[in-house]
């Protein structure tokens, strides 16, 4: 790991701690599974300075990776990934797309924005658990002629998402894995030993 990557990881952990985004309890995730912890990155947009810093991290990661940089368009995973993707597209000067859950209004299209057949689209989300929502979004874009090879997230919860995306020919680019984040949180004194272990027990190897 180079120093810049290490800096990215620590910055995310500092942000999560600073805005109190890491919670412990009993939470139901989007896959209907229970978890002893939750990382609420949806609140990032309520902290303007933090939001800008996170967007800069996304931008730096894309610009230093040729695979990510070459994508023609940016799309957000509904709904948490949408604001991150929109601002990132602005910074990178790339067209922005988003996928709707409800297609009963307007033109009844799932993908909003201009998407030409053969356009490569980079998917953006805050974090990944099982990968289901990312795959659903990729399917919608592919059904309209787009090409999806890459997905970028801040945090990989390491609960099967990377393998699920690989099966769909999508490369996962996670700035930090939850096992790494948990150890950084512990070293920072943000969590205790029991909380560290509860996070690590969730990880699917």
N, C-alpha and C. Protein backbone atom coordinates (compact mmCIF):
# COMPACT_ATOMS: atom_id res chain seq x y z
N UNK A 1 0.84 -1.20 0.00
CA UNK A 1 0.00 0.00 0.00
C UNK A 1 0.88 1.25 0.00
N UNK A 2 0.65 2.19 -0.95
CA UNK A 2 1.45 3.39 -0.96
C UNK A 2 0.90 4.39 0.07
N UNK A 3 1.67 5.44 0.30
CA UNK A 3 1.32 6.39 1.34
C UNK A 3 0.00 7.12 1.03
N UNK A 4 -0.26 7.36 -0.26
CA UNK A 4 -1.49 8.05 -0.61
C UNK A 4 -2.71 7.17 -0.31
N UNK A 5 -2.63 5.89 -0.64
CA UNK A 5 -3.72 4.97 -0.33
C UNK A 5 -3.96 4.90 1.17
N UNK A 6 -2.87 4.82 1.92
CA UNK A 6 -2.99 4.78 3.38
C UNK A 6 -3.65 6.05 3.90
N UNK A 7 -3.30 7.17 3.29
CA UNK A 7 -3.91 8.44 3.68
C UNK A 7 -5.40 8.48 3.39
N UNK A 8 -5.80 7.91 2.23
CA UNK A 8 -7.22 7.84 1.89
C UNK A 8 -7.99 7.07 2.96
N UNK A 9 -7.45 5.93 3.35
CA UNK A 9 -8.12 5.06 4.32
C UNK A 9 -8.29 5.77 5.67
N UNK A 10 -7.24 6.41 6.12
CA UNK A 10 -7.31 7.11 7.41
C UNK A 10 -8.27 8.29 7.35
N UNK A 11 -8.32 8.96 6.19
CA UNK A 11 -9.22 10.10 6.05
C UNK A 11 -10.67 9.66 6.17
N UNK A 12 -11.02 8.54 5.53
CA UNK A 12 -12.39 8.04 5.62
C UNK A 12 -12.74 7.71 7.07
N UNK A 13 -11.82 7.05 7.76
CA UNK A 13 -12.08 6.70 9.17
C UNK A 13 -12.22 7.94 10.03
N UNK A 14 -11.41 8.96 9.76
CA UNK A 14 -11.52 10.21 10.50
C UNK A 14 -12.87 10.88 10.25
N UNK A 15 -13.32 10.84 8.99
CA UNK A 15 -14.62 11.43 8.64
C UNK A 15 -15.74 10.70 9.36
N UNK A 16 -15.73 9.37 9.29
CA UNK A 16 -16.78 8.57 9.93
C UNK A 16 -16.85 8.87 11.43
N UNK A 17 -15.69 8.99 12.06
CA UNK A 17 -15.65 9.29 13.49
C UNK A 17 -16.13 10.70 13.77
N UNK A 18 -15.69 11.64 12.94
CA UNK A 18 -16.00 13.06 13.16
C UNK A 18 -17.49 13.35 13.09
N UNK A 19 -18.18 12.70 12.17
CA UNK A 19 -19.63 12.97 12.02
C UNK A 19 -20.48 11.92 12.74
N UNK A 20 -19.82 11.05 13.51
CA UNK A 20 -20.53 10.03 14.30
C UNK A 20 -21.39 9.14 13.41
N UNK A 21 -20.81 8.67 12.31
CA UNK A 21 -21.55 7.86 11.34
C UNK A 21 -21.54 6.37 11.66
N UNK A 22 -20.67 5.94 12.56
CA UNK A 22 -20.60 4.53 12.93
C UNK A 22 -21.46 4.29 14.17
N UNK A 23 -22.47 3.42 14.01
CA UNK A 23 -23.41 3.14 15.09
C UNK A 23 -23.39 1.64 15.43
N UNK A 24 -23.64 1.34 16.70
CA UNK A 24 -23.73 -0.05 17.15
C UNK A 24 -25.11 -0.31 17.73
N UNK A 25 -25.62 -1.50 17.49
CA UNK A 25 -26.96 -1.89 17.93
C UNK A 25 -27.40 -3.07 17.11
N UNK A 26 -28.66 -3.11 16.73
CA UNK A 26 -29.18 -4.14 15.82
C UNK A 26 -29.82 -3.41 14.65
N UNK A 27 -29.27 -3.63 13.47
CA UNK A 27 -29.73 -2.91 12.28
C UNK A 27 -30.09 -3.90 11.17
N UNK A 28 -31.14 -3.57 10.43
CA UNK A 28 -31.53 -4.37 9.27
C UNK A 28 -30.98 -3.70 8.03
N UNK A 29 -30.16 -4.44 7.29
CA UNK A 29 -29.52 -3.90 6.10
C UNK A 29 -30.44 -4.03 4.90
N UNK A 30 -30.00 -3.51 3.76
CA UNK A 30 -30.82 -3.53 2.55
C UNK A 30 -31.08 -4.95 2.05
N UNK A 31 -30.24 -5.90 2.47
CA UNK A 31 -30.45 -7.31 2.08
C UNK A 31 -31.29 -8.06 3.10
N UNK A 32 -31.91 -7.31 4.05
CA UNK A 32 -32.76 -7.85 5.11
C UNK A 32 -32.01 -8.67 6.16
N UNK A 33 -30.69 -8.62 6.11
CA UNK A 33 -29.88 -9.29 7.13
C UNK A 33 -29.64 -8.34 8.30
N UNK A 34 -29.45 -8.92 9.48
CA UNK A 34 -29.18 -8.12 10.67
C UNK A 34 -27.69 -7.87 10.82
N UNK A 35 -27.37 -6.71 11.35
CA UNK A 35 -25.97 -6.36 11.57
C UNK A 35 -25.83 -5.68 12.92
N UNK A 36 -24.72 -5.93 13.64
CA UNK A 36 -24.50 -5.29 14.93
C UNK A 36 -23.96 -3.86 14.79
N UNK A 37 -23.69 -3.45 13.55
CA UNK A 37 -23.19 -2.09 13.35
C UNK A 37 -23.74 -1.52 12.04
N UNK A 38 -23.67 -0.21 11.92
CA UNK A 38 -24.15 0.46 10.72
C UNK A 38 -23.28 1.68 10.46
N UNK A 39 -22.88 1.87 9.22
CA UNK A 39 -22.12 3.05 8.84
C UNK A 39 -23.05 3.94 8.01
N UNK A 40 -23.48 5.04 8.60
CA UNK A 40 -24.48 5.90 7.97
C UNK A 40 -23.79 7.02 7.19
N UNK A 41 -23.39 6.71 5.96
CA UNK A 41 -22.74 7.71 5.12
C UNK A 41 -23.73 8.63 4.42
N UNK A 42 -25.02 8.35 4.58
CA UNK A 42 -26.03 9.24 4.00
C UNK A 42 -26.00 10.62 4.65
N UNK A 43 -25.49 10.70 5.87
CA UNK A 43 -25.48 11.99 6.56
C UNK A 43 -24.31 12.88 6.13
N UNK A 44 -23.39 12.33 5.33
CA UNK A 44 -22.23 13.12 4.88
C UNK A 44 -22.68 14.41 4.21
N UNK A 45 -23.74 14.34 3.41
CA UNK A 45 -24.20 15.53 2.68
C UNK A 45 -24.72 16.64 3.59
N UNK A 46 -24.95 16.33 4.86
CA UNK A 46 -25.39 17.36 5.81
C UNK A 46 -24.22 18.10 6.43
N UNK A 47 -23.00 17.71 6.08
CA UNK A 47 -21.78 18.35 6.58
C UNK A 47 -20.99 18.84 5.36
N UNK A 48 -21.22 20.09 4.91
CA UNK A 48 -20.63 20.57 3.67
C UNK A 48 -19.13 20.38 3.54
N UNK A 49 -18.36 20.70 4.57
CA UNK A 49 -16.90 20.56 4.48
C UNK A 49 -16.51 19.09 4.35
N UNK A 50 -17.22 18.23 5.08
CA UNK A 50 -16.95 16.80 4.99
C UNK A 50 -17.34 16.25 3.61
N UNK A 51 -18.47 16.71 3.11
CA UNK A 51 -18.94 16.29 1.79
C UNK A 51 -17.90 16.64 0.72
N UNK A 52 -17.37 17.85 0.79
CA UNK A 52 -16.35 18.26 -0.18
C UNK A 52 -15.13 17.37 -0.08
N UNK A 53 -14.72 17.06 1.13
CA UNK A 53 -13.51 16.24 1.33
C UNK A 53 -13.73 14.83 0.77
N UNK A 54 -14.91 14.26 1.01
CA UNK A 54 -15.21 12.93 0.48
C UNK A 54 -15.21 12.96 -1.05
N UNK A 55 -15.79 14.00 -1.63
CA UNK A 55 -15.81 14.10 -3.09
C UNK A 55 -14.40 14.22 -3.66
N UNK A 56 -13.53 14.92 -2.96
CA UNK A 56 -12.15 15.03 -3.40
C UNK A 56 -11.45 13.67 -3.35
N UNK A 57 -11.80 12.86 -2.34
CA UNK A 57 -11.24 11.51 -2.26
C UNK A 57 -11.67 10.67 -3.46
N UNK A 58 -12.96 10.69 -3.76
CA UNK A 58 -13.44 9.98 -4.94
C UNK A 58 -12.67 10.44 -6.19
N UNK A 59 -12.54 11.75 -6.33
CA UNK A 59 -11.88 12.31 -7.51
C UNK A 59 -10.43 11.85 -7.60
N UNK A 60 -9.71 11.88 -6.48
CA UNK A 60 -8.31 11.47 -6.48
C UNK A 60 -8.16 10.00 -6.84
N UNK A 61 -9.06 9.18 -6.32
CA UNK A 61 -8.99 7.74 -6.62
C UNK A 61 -9.23 7.49 -8.10
N UNK A 62 -10.21 8.17 -8.67
CA UNK A 62 -10.50 7.99 -10.10
C UNK A 62 -9.32 8.46 -10.95
N UNK A 63 -8.77 9.60 -10.63
CA UNK A 63 -7.72 10.19 -11.46
C UNK A 63 -6.41 9.39 -11.43
N UNK A 64 -6.18 8.64 -10.36
CA UNK A 64 -4.94 7.87 -10.28
C UNK A 64 -5.10 6.44 -10.80
N UNK A 65 -6.31 6.07 -11.23
CA UNK A 65 -6.56 4.71 -11.73
C UNK A 65 -7.03 4.78 -13.19
N UNK A 66 -6.20 4.36 -14.15
CA UNK A 66 -6.58 4.43 -15.57
C UNK A 66 -7.88 3.70 -15.89
N UNK A 67 -8.14 2.59 -15.23
CA UNK A 67 -9.38 1.84 -15.49
C UNK A 67 -10.60 2.68 -15.15
N UNK A 68 -10.54 3.42 -14.06
CA UNK A 68 -11.66 4.24 -13.65
C UNK A 68 -11.76 5.51 -14.49
N UNK A 69 -10.62 6.09 -14.75
CA UNK A 69 -10.56 7.37 -15.46
C UNK A 69 -11.14 7.29 -16.87
N UNK A 70 -11.01 6.13 -17.51
CA UNK A 70 -11.41 6.01 -18.91
C UNK A 70 -12.93 5.89 -19.10
N UNK A 71 -13.69 5.69 -18.03
CA UNK A 71 -15.14 5.59 -18.17
C UNK A 71 -15.72 6.91 -18.68
N UNK A 72 -16.69 6.81 -19.57
CA UNK A 72 -17.26 7.98 -20.23
C UNK A 72 -18.29 8.71 -19.38
N UNK A 73 -19.01 7.95 -18.54
CA UNK A 73 -20.09 8.53 -17.78
C UNK A 73 -20.03 8.06 -16.33
N UNK A 74 -20.74 8.79 -15.45
CA UNK A 74 -20.80 8.48 -14.02
C UNK A 74 -22.26 8.24 -13.66
N UNK A 75 -22.53 7.17 -12.91
CA UNK A 75 -23.90 6.89 -12.46
C UNK A 75 -23.92 6.60 -10.97
N UNK A 76 -24.94 7.09 -10.30
CA UNK A 76 -25.09 6.86 -8.87
C UNK A 76 -26.03 5.71 -8.58
N UNK A 77 -25.71 4.96 -7.54
CA UNK A 77 -26.58 3.87 -7.09
C UNK A 77 -27.67 4.47 -6.20
N UNK A 78 -28.93 4.24 -6.52
CA UNK A 78 -30.00 4.83 -5.70
C UNK A 78 -30.09 4.16 -4.34
N UNK A 79 -30.32 4.95 -3.28
CA UNK A 79 -30.33 6.40 -3.38
C UNK A 79 -29.06 7.02 -2.78
N UNK A 80 -28.38 6.28 -1.94
CA UNK A 80 -27.24 6.83 -1.20
C UNK A 80 -26.11 7.29 -2.11
N UNK A 81 -25.90 6.58 -3.22
CA UNK A 81 -24.79 6.92 -4.09
C UNK A 81 -25.04 8.09 -5.02
N UNK A 82 -26.30 8.49 -5.16
CA UNK A 82 -26.65 9.49 -6.16
C UNK A 82 -25.99 10.85 -5.91
N UNK A 83 -26.06 11.43 -4.71
CA UNK A 83 -25.41 12.74 -4.52
C UNK A 83 -23.90 12.68 -4.70
N UNK A 84 -23.27 11.59 -4.25
CA UNK A 84 -21.82 11.45 -4.42
C UNK A 84 -21.46 11.40 -5.91
N UNK A 85 -22.24 10.66 -6.68
CA UNK A 85 -21.98 10.51 -8.11
C UNK A 85 -22.19 11.82 -8.85
N UNK A 86 -23.24 12.55 -8.48
CA UNK A 86 -23.55 13.80 -9.17
C UNK A 86 -22.42 14.82 -9.01
N UNK A 87 -21.92 14.97 -7.80
CA UNK A 87 -20.85 15.94 -7.55
C UNK A 87 -19.55 15.46 -8.18
N UNK A 88 -19.29 14.15 -8.12
CA UNK A 88 -18.08 13.62 -8.74
C UNK A 88 -18.10 13.87 -10.26
N UNK A 89 -19.25 13.65 -10.89
CA UNK A 89 -19.36 13.90 -12.32
C UNK A 89 -19.07 15.36 -12.63
N UNK A 90 -19.52 16.26 -11.77
CA UNK A 90 -19.25 17.69 -11.93
C UNK A 90 -17.75 17.95 -11.86
N UNK A 91 -17.09 17.40 -10.84
CA UNK A 91 -15.64 17.59 -10.69
C UNK A 91 -14.87 17.03 -11.89
N UNK A 92 -15.28 15.87 -12.37
CA UNK A 92 -14.55 15.19 -13.46
C UNK A 92 -14.99 15.67 -14.84
N UNK A 93 -16.03 16.52 -14.87
CA UNK A 93 -16.58 17.02 -16.15
C UNK A 93 -17.03 15.87 -17.04
N UNK A 94 -17.73 14.91 -16.42
CA UNK A 94 -18.28 13.78 -17.15
C UNK A 94 -19.80 13.79 -17.02
N UNK A 95 -20.53 13.30 -18.04
CA UNK A 95 -21.99 13.26 -17.96
C UNK A 95 -22.46 12.37 -16.81
N UNK A 96 -23.53 12.81 -16.16
CA UNK A 96 -24.09 12.11 -15.00
C UNK A 96 -25.39 11.40 -15.37
N UNK A 97 -25.53 10.19 -14.87
CA UNK A 97 -26.75 9.40 -15.03
C UNK A 97 -27.26 8.98 -13.66
N UNK A 98 -28.54 8.70 -13.59
CA UNK A 98 -29.03 8.03 -12.39
C UNK A 98 -30.15 7.08 -12.76
N UNK A 99 -30.33 6.07 -11.94
CA UNK A 99 -31.32 5.03 -12.19
C UNK A 99 -32.48 5.21 -11.24
N UNK A 100 -33.68 5.20 -11.79
CA UNK A 100 -34.89 5.37 -11.00
C UNK A 100 -35.45 4.03 -10.56
N UNK A 101 -36.00 4.02 -9.35
CA UNK A 101 -36.70 2.82 -8.88
C UNK A 101 -38.12 2.77 -9.44
N UNK A 102 -38.72 3.95 -9.62
CA UNK A 102 -40.10 4.06 -10.09
C UNK A 102 -40.09 4.55 -11.53
N UNK A 103 -40.69 3.78 -12.44
CA UNK A 103 -40.70 4.17 -13.86
C UNK A 103 -42.11 4.51 -14.35
N UNK A 104 -42.99 4.88 -13.43
CA UNK A 104 -44.39 5.12 -13.81
C UNK A 104 -44.64 6.54 -14.31
N UNK A 105 -43.62 7.43 -14.18
CA UNK A 105 -43.83 8.82 -14.57
C UNK A 105 -42.92 9.20 -15.74
N UNK A 106 -43.24 10.36 -16.35
CA UNK A 106 -42.40 10.89 -17.42
C UNK A 106 -42.28 9.94 -18.60
N UNK A 107 -41.03 9.73 -19.03
CA UNK A 107 -40.80 8.87 -20.19
C UNK A 107 -40.74 7.39 -19.83
N UNK A 108 -40.95 7.12 -18.55
CA UNK A 108 -40.96 5.73 -18.05
C UNK A 108 -39.65 5.00 -18.33
N UNK A 109 -38.56 5.75 -18.22
CA UNK A 109 -37.23 5.17 -18.40
C UNK A 109 -36.62 4.89 -17.04
N UNK A 110 -35.85 3.84 -16.95
CA UNK A 110 -35.14 3.55 -15.69
C UNK A 110 -33.88 4.40 -15.59
N UNK A 111 -33.20 4.63 -16.69
CA UNK A 111 -31.95 5.40 -16.67
C UNK A 111 -32.23 6.81 -17.16
N UNK A 112 -31.98 7.79 -16.29
CA UNK A 112 -32.18 9.19 -16.64
C UNK A 112 -30.85 9.82 -17.03
N UNK A 113 -30.88 10.58 -18.12
CA UNK A 113 -29.66 11.16 -18.66
C UNK A 113 -29.41 10.56 -20.04
N UNK A 114 -28.44 11.12 -20.74
CA UNK A 114 -28.14 10.64 -22.08
C UNK A 114 -27.15 9.48 -22.01
N UNK A 115 -27.57 8.34 -22.52
CA UNK A 115 -26.73 7.14 -22.54
C UNK A 115 -26.74 6.59 -23.95
N UNK A 116 -25.59 6.61 -24.58
CA UNK A 116 -25.46 6.08 -25.93
C UNK A 116 -24.99 4.64 -25.89
N UNK A 117 -25.42 3.81 -26.82
CA UNK A 117 -24.94 2.42 -26.87
C UNK A 117 -23.41 2.38 -26.93
N UNK A 118 -22.83 1.58 -26.05
CA UNK A 118 -21.37 1.46 -26.02
C UNK A 118 -20.68 2.38 -25.04
N UNK A 119 -21.43 3.32 -24.42
CA UNK A 119 -20.83 4.20 -23.41
C UNK A 119 -20.43 3.39 -22.18
N UNK A 120 -19.22 3.62 -21.70
CA UNK A 120 -18.80 2.98 -20.45
C UNK A 120 -19.22 3.85 -19.28
N UNK A 121 -19.75 3.20 -18.24
CA UNK A 121 -20.32 3.92 -17.10
C UNK A 121 -19.68 3.44 -15.80
N UNK A 122 -19.16 4.38 -15.04
CA UNK A 122 -18.61 4.09 -13.71
C UNK A 122 -19.71 4.25 -12.68
N UNK A 123 -19.96 3.19 -11.90
CA UNK A 123 -20.97 3.23 -10.85
C UNK A 123 -20.36 3.72 -9.54
N UNK A 124 -21.09 4.58 -8.84
CA UNK A 124 -20.61 5.16 -7.58
C UNK A 124 -21.62 4.86 -6.47
N UNK A 125 -21.11 4.36 -5.34
CA UNK A 125 -21.96 4.19 -4.16
C UNK A 125 -21.15 4.53 -2.93
N UNK A 126 -21.85 4.66 -1.79
CA UNK A 126 -21.14 4.97 -0.55
C UNK A 126 -20.44 3.73 0.00
N UNK A 127 -21.18 2.62 0.04
CA UNK A 127 -20.57 1.37 0.51
C UNK A 127 -21.25 0.19 -0.17
N UNK A 128 -20.66 -0.99 0.00
CA UNK A 128 -21.22 -2.20 -0.59
C UNK A 128 -21.30 -3.28 0.48
N UNK A 129 -22.42 -4.00 0.47
CA UNK A 129 -22.59 -5.14 1.38
C UNK A 129 -22.62 -6.41 0.54
N UNK A 130 -23.76 -6.74 -0.03
CA UNK A 130 -23.86 -7.94 -0.88
C UNK A 130 -23.70 -7.62 -2.36
N UNK A 131 -23.81 -6.34 -2.71
CA UNK A 131 -23.68 -5.95 -4.11
C UNK A 131 -24.98 -5.94 -4.89
N UNK A 132 -26.08 -6.29 -4.25
CA UNK A 132 -27.35 -6.42 -4.96
C UNK A 132 -27.79 -5.13 -5.64
N UNK A 133 -27.72 -4.00 -4.94
CA UNK A 133 -28.19 -2.74 -5.53
C UNK A 133 -27.28 -2.29 -6.67
N UNK A 134 -25.99 -2.54 -6.54
CA UNK A 134 -25.07 -2.18 -7.62
C UNK A 134 -25.36 -3.03 -8.85
N UNK A 135 -25.60 -4.32 -8.66
CA UNK A 135 -25.89 -5.21 -9.80
C UNK A 135 -27.20 -4.82 -10.46
N UNK A 136 -28.21 -4.47 -9.67
CA UNK A 136 -29.50 -4.04 -10.23
C UNK A 136 -29.32 -2.79 -11.09
N UNK A 137 -28.51 -1.85 -10.62
CA UNK A 137 -28.24 -0.64 -11.38
C UNK A 137 -27.48 -0.95 -12.66
N UNK A 138 -26.48 -1.82 -12.54
CA UNK A 138 -25.70 -2.22 -13.71
C UNK A 138 -26.59 -2.88 -14.76
N UNK A 139 -27.51 -3.71 -14.31
CA UNK A 139 -28.44 -4.39 -15.24
C UNK A 139 -29.28 -3.37 -16.00
N UNK A 140 -29.76 -2.34 -15.29
CA UNK A 140 -30.58 -1.32 -15.93
C UNK A 140 -29.79 -0.56 -16.99
N UNK A 141 -28.55 -0.22 -16.67
CA UNK A 141 -27.71 0.52 -17.62
C UNK A 141 -27.35 -0.36 -18.81
N UNK A 142 -27.01 -1.60 -18.54
CA UNK A 142 -26.67 -2.52 -19.62
C UNK A 142 -27.87 -2.78 -20.53
N UNK A 143 -29.07 -2.80 -19.96
CA UNK A 143 -30.26 -3.06 -20.77
C UNK A 143 -30.53 -1.93 -21.76
N UNK A 144 -29.94 -0.75 -21.50
CA UNK A 144 -30.11 0.38 -22.41
C UNK A 144 -28.85 0.64 -23.24
N UNK A 145 -27.97 -0.36 -23.29
CA UNK A 145 -26.82 -0.28 -24.17
C UNK A 145 -25.52 0.18 -23.54
N UNK A 146 -25.56 0.56 -22.27
CA UNK A 146 -24.34 0.99 -21.60
C UNK A 146 -23.45 -0.18 -21.22
N UNK A 147 -22.18 0.11 -21.01
CA UNK A 147 -21.20 -0.89 -20.60
C UNK A 147 -20.75 -0.57 -19.18
N UNK A 148 -20.89 -1.54 -18.29
CA UNK A 148 -20.49 -1.35 -16.89
C UNK A 148 -19.38 -2.34 -16.55
N UNK A 149 -18.20 -1.81 -16.30
CA UNK A 149 -17.06 -2.64 -15.92
C UNK A 149 -16.56 -2.37 -14.51
N UNK A 150 -16.90 -1.19 -13.96
CA UNK A 150 -16.31 -0.75 -12.70
C UNK A 150 -17.33 -0.13 -11.76
N UNK A 151 -17.13 -0.39 -10.47
CA UNK A 151 -17.91 0.25 -9.41
C UNK A 151 -16.95 0.74 -8.34
N UNK A 152 -17.15 1.97 -7.90
CA UNK A 152 -16.28 2.57 -6.89
C UNK A 152 -17.11 2.90 -5.65
N UNK A 153 -16.62 2.43 -4.49
CA UNK A 153 -17.30 2.71 -3.22
C UNK A 153 -16.27 3.20 -2.20
N UNK A 154 -16.76 3.87 -1.18
CA UNK A 154 -15.88 4.28 -0.09
C UNK A 154 -15.50 3.08 0.76
N UNK A 155 -16.50 2.28 1.16
CA UNK A 155 -16.27 1.18 2.11
C UNK A 155 -16.87 -0.11 1.59
N UNK A 156 -16.10 -1.18 1.65
CA UNK A 156 -16.58 -2.53 1.37
C UNK A 156 -16.80 -3.23 2.71
N UNK A 157 -18.06 -3.55 3.01
CA UNK A 157 -18.36 -4.23 4.27
C UNK A 157 -17.87 -5.69 4.27
N UNK A 158 -17.42 -6.17 3.14
CA UNK A 158 -16.86 -7.52 3.00
C UNK A 158 -17.87 -8.60 3.40
N UNK A 159 -19.05 -8.47 2.82
CA UNK A 159 -20.10 -9.46 3.08
C UNK A 159 -20.59 -10.08 1.77
N UNK A 160 -19.65 -10.31 0.87
CA UNK A 160 -19.96 -11.02 -0.37
C UNK A 160 -20.13 -10.16 -1.59
N UNK A 161 -20.09 -8.85 -1.43
CA UNK A 161 -20.33 -7.94 -2.54
C UNK A 161 -19.31 -8.04 -3.66
N UNK A 162 -18.04 -8.11 -3.31
CA UNK A 162 -17.00 -8.15 -4.34
C UNK A 162 -17.14 -9.38 -5.22
N UNK A 163 -17.40 -10.54 -4.60
CA UNK A 163 -17.56 -11.78 -5.37
C UNK A 163 -18.79 -11.72 -6.26
N UNK A 164 -19.88 -11.14 -5.72
CA UNK A 164 -21.11 -11.02 -6.51
C UNK A 164 -20.90 -10.15 -7.74
N UNK A 165 -20.17 -9.04 -7.57
CA UNK A 165 -19.88 -8.17 -8.71
C UNK A 165 -18.96 -8.86 -9.70
N UNK A 166 -17.99 -9.61 -9.20
CA UNK A 166 -17.08 -10.32 -10.09
C UNK A 166 -17.84 -11.30 -10.98
N UNK A 167 -18.86 -11.95 -10.42
CA UNK A 167 -19.68 -12.87 -11.22
C UNK A 167 -20.40 -12.15 -12.35
N UNK A 168 -20.64 -10.85 -12.18
CA UNK A 168 -21.32 -10.05 -13.19
C UNK A 168 -20.32 -9.25 -14.05
N UNK A 169 -19.04 -9.63 -13.95
CA UNK A 169 -17.98 -8.98 -14.74
C UNK A 169 -17.83 -7.49 -14.39
N UNK A 170 -17.99 -7.19 -13.11
CA UNK A 170 -17.81 -5.83 -12.64
C UNK A 170 -16.66 -5.82 -11.62
N UNK A 171 -15.69 -4.93 -11.85
CA UNK A 171 -14.57 -4.80 -10.91
C UNK A 171 -14.97 -3.87 -9.78
N UNK A 172 -14.76 -4.31 -8.54
CA UNK A 172 -15.04 -3.47 -7.39
C UNK A 172 -13.77 -2.72 -6.99
N UNK A 173 -13.90 -1.41 -6.83
CA UNK A 173 -12.81 -0.57 -6.35
C UNK A 173 -13.29 0.04 -5.04
N UNK A 174 -12.81 -0.48 -3.93
CA UNK A 174 -13.20 0.04 -2.61
C UNK A 174 -12.01 0.79 -2.02
N UNK A 175 -12.26 2.01 -1.56
CA UNK A 175 -11.17 2.79 -0.99
C UNK A 175 -10.66 2.15 0.30
N UNK A 176 -11.58 1.57 1.08
CA UNK A 176 -11.17 0.86 2.30
C UNK A 176 -12.11 -0.30 2.55
N UNK A 177 -11.56 -1.39 3.06
CA UNK A 177 -12.36 -2.54 3.48
C UNK A 177 -12.70 -2.38 4.96
N UNK A 178 -13.83 -2.97 5.35
CA UNK A 178 -14.29 -2.77 6.73
C UNK A 178 -13.32 -3.38 7.74
N UNK A 179 -12.64 -4.45 7.38
CA UNK A 179 -11.66 -5.03 8.30
C UNK A 179 -10.52 -4.05 8.57
N UNK A 180 -10.12 -3.31 7.53
CA UNK A 180 -9.09 -2.28 7.71
C UNK A 180 -9.62 -1.12 8.53
N UNK A 181 -10.84 -0.69 8.22
CA UNK A 181 -11.44 0.44 8.93
C UNK A 181 -11.60 0.13 10.41
N UNK A 182 -12.06 -1.10 10.72
CA UNK A 182 -12.29 -1.47 12.11
C UNK A 182 -11.00 -1.38 12.93
N UNK A 183 -9.90 -1.81 12.33
CA UNK A 183 -8.62 -1.77 13.04
C UNK A 183 -8.14 -0.34 13.23
N UNK A 184 -8.40 0.51 12.24
CA UNK A 184 -8.04 1.92 12.38
C UNK A 184 -8.89 2.58 13.45
N UNK A 185 -10.21 2.29 13.45
CA UNK A 185 -11.09 2.83 14.49
C UNK A 185 -10.59 2.42 15.88
N UNK A 186 -10.18 1.16 15.99
CA UNK A 186 -9.71 0.64 17.29
C UNK A 186 -8.42 1.35 17.71
N UNK A 187 -7.50 1.51 16.76
CA UNK A 187 -6.23 2.18 17.06
C UNK A 187 -6.45 3.65 17.42
N UNK A 188 -7.50 4.24 16.85
CA UNK A 188 -7.84 5.64 17.15
C UNK A 188 -8.52 5.77 18.50
N UNK A 189 -8.99 4.66 19.06
CA UNK A 189 -9.74 4.71 20.31
C UNK A 189 -11.21 5.01 20.11
N UNK A 190 -11.69 4.92 18.85
CA UNK A 190 -13.09 5.21 18.55
C UNK A 190 -14.01 4.06 18.91
N UNK A 191 -13.48 2.83 18.94
CA UNK A 191 -14.26 1.66 19.32
C UNK A 191 -13.46 0.82 20.29
N UNK A 192 -14.16 0.00 21.06
CA UNK A 192 -13.45 -0.88 22.01
C UNK A 192 -13.27 -2.27 21.40
N UNK A 193 -12.67 -3.17 22.17
CA UNK A 193 -12.35 -4.51 21.67
C UNK A 193 -13.60 -5.29 21.28
N UNK A 194 -14.65 -5.20 22.09
CA UNK A 194 -15.90 -5.90 21.78
C UNK A 194 -16.52 -5.40 20.48
N UNK A 195 -16.49 -4.10 20.28
CA UNK A 195 -17.03 -3.52 19.05
C UNK A 195 -16.18 -3.92 17.84
N UNK A 196 -14.88 -3.95 18.03
CA UNK A 196 -13.99 -4.41 16.96
C UNK A 196 -14.35 -5.83 16.55
N UNK A 197 -14.50 -6.70 17.53
CA UNK A 197 -14.81 -8.11 17.24
C UNK A 197 -16.19 -8.26 16.59
N UNK A 198 -17.15 -7.44 17.01
CA UNK A 198 -18.49 -7.55 16.43
C UNK A 198 -18.47 -7.17 14.95
N UNK A 199 -17.63 -6.22 14.58
CA UNK A 199 -17.48 -5.86 13.17
C UNK A 199 -16.81 -6.99 12.40
N UNK A 200 -15.71 -7.49 12.94
CA UNK A 200 -14.94 -8.52 12.24
C UNK A 200 -15.74 -9.80 12.05
N UNK A 201 -16.65 -10.10 12.99
CA UNK A 201 -17.46 -11.32 12.86
C UNK A 201 -18.44 -11.25 11.71
N UNK A 202 -18.75 -10.06 11.24
CA UNK A 202 -19.68 -9.88 10.12
C UNK A 202 -19.04 -10.18 8.76
N UNK A 203 -17.72 -10.16 8.74
CA UNK A 203 -17.01 -10.26 7.48
C UNK A 203 -17.04 -11.67 6.93
N UNK A 204 -17.34 -11.76 5.64
CA UNK A 204 -17.38 -13.05 4.93
C UNK A 204 -16.06 -13.20 4.19
N UNK A 205 -15.29 -14.19 4.55
CA UNK A 205 -13.98 -14.38 3.92
C UNK A 205 -14.13 -15.20 2.64
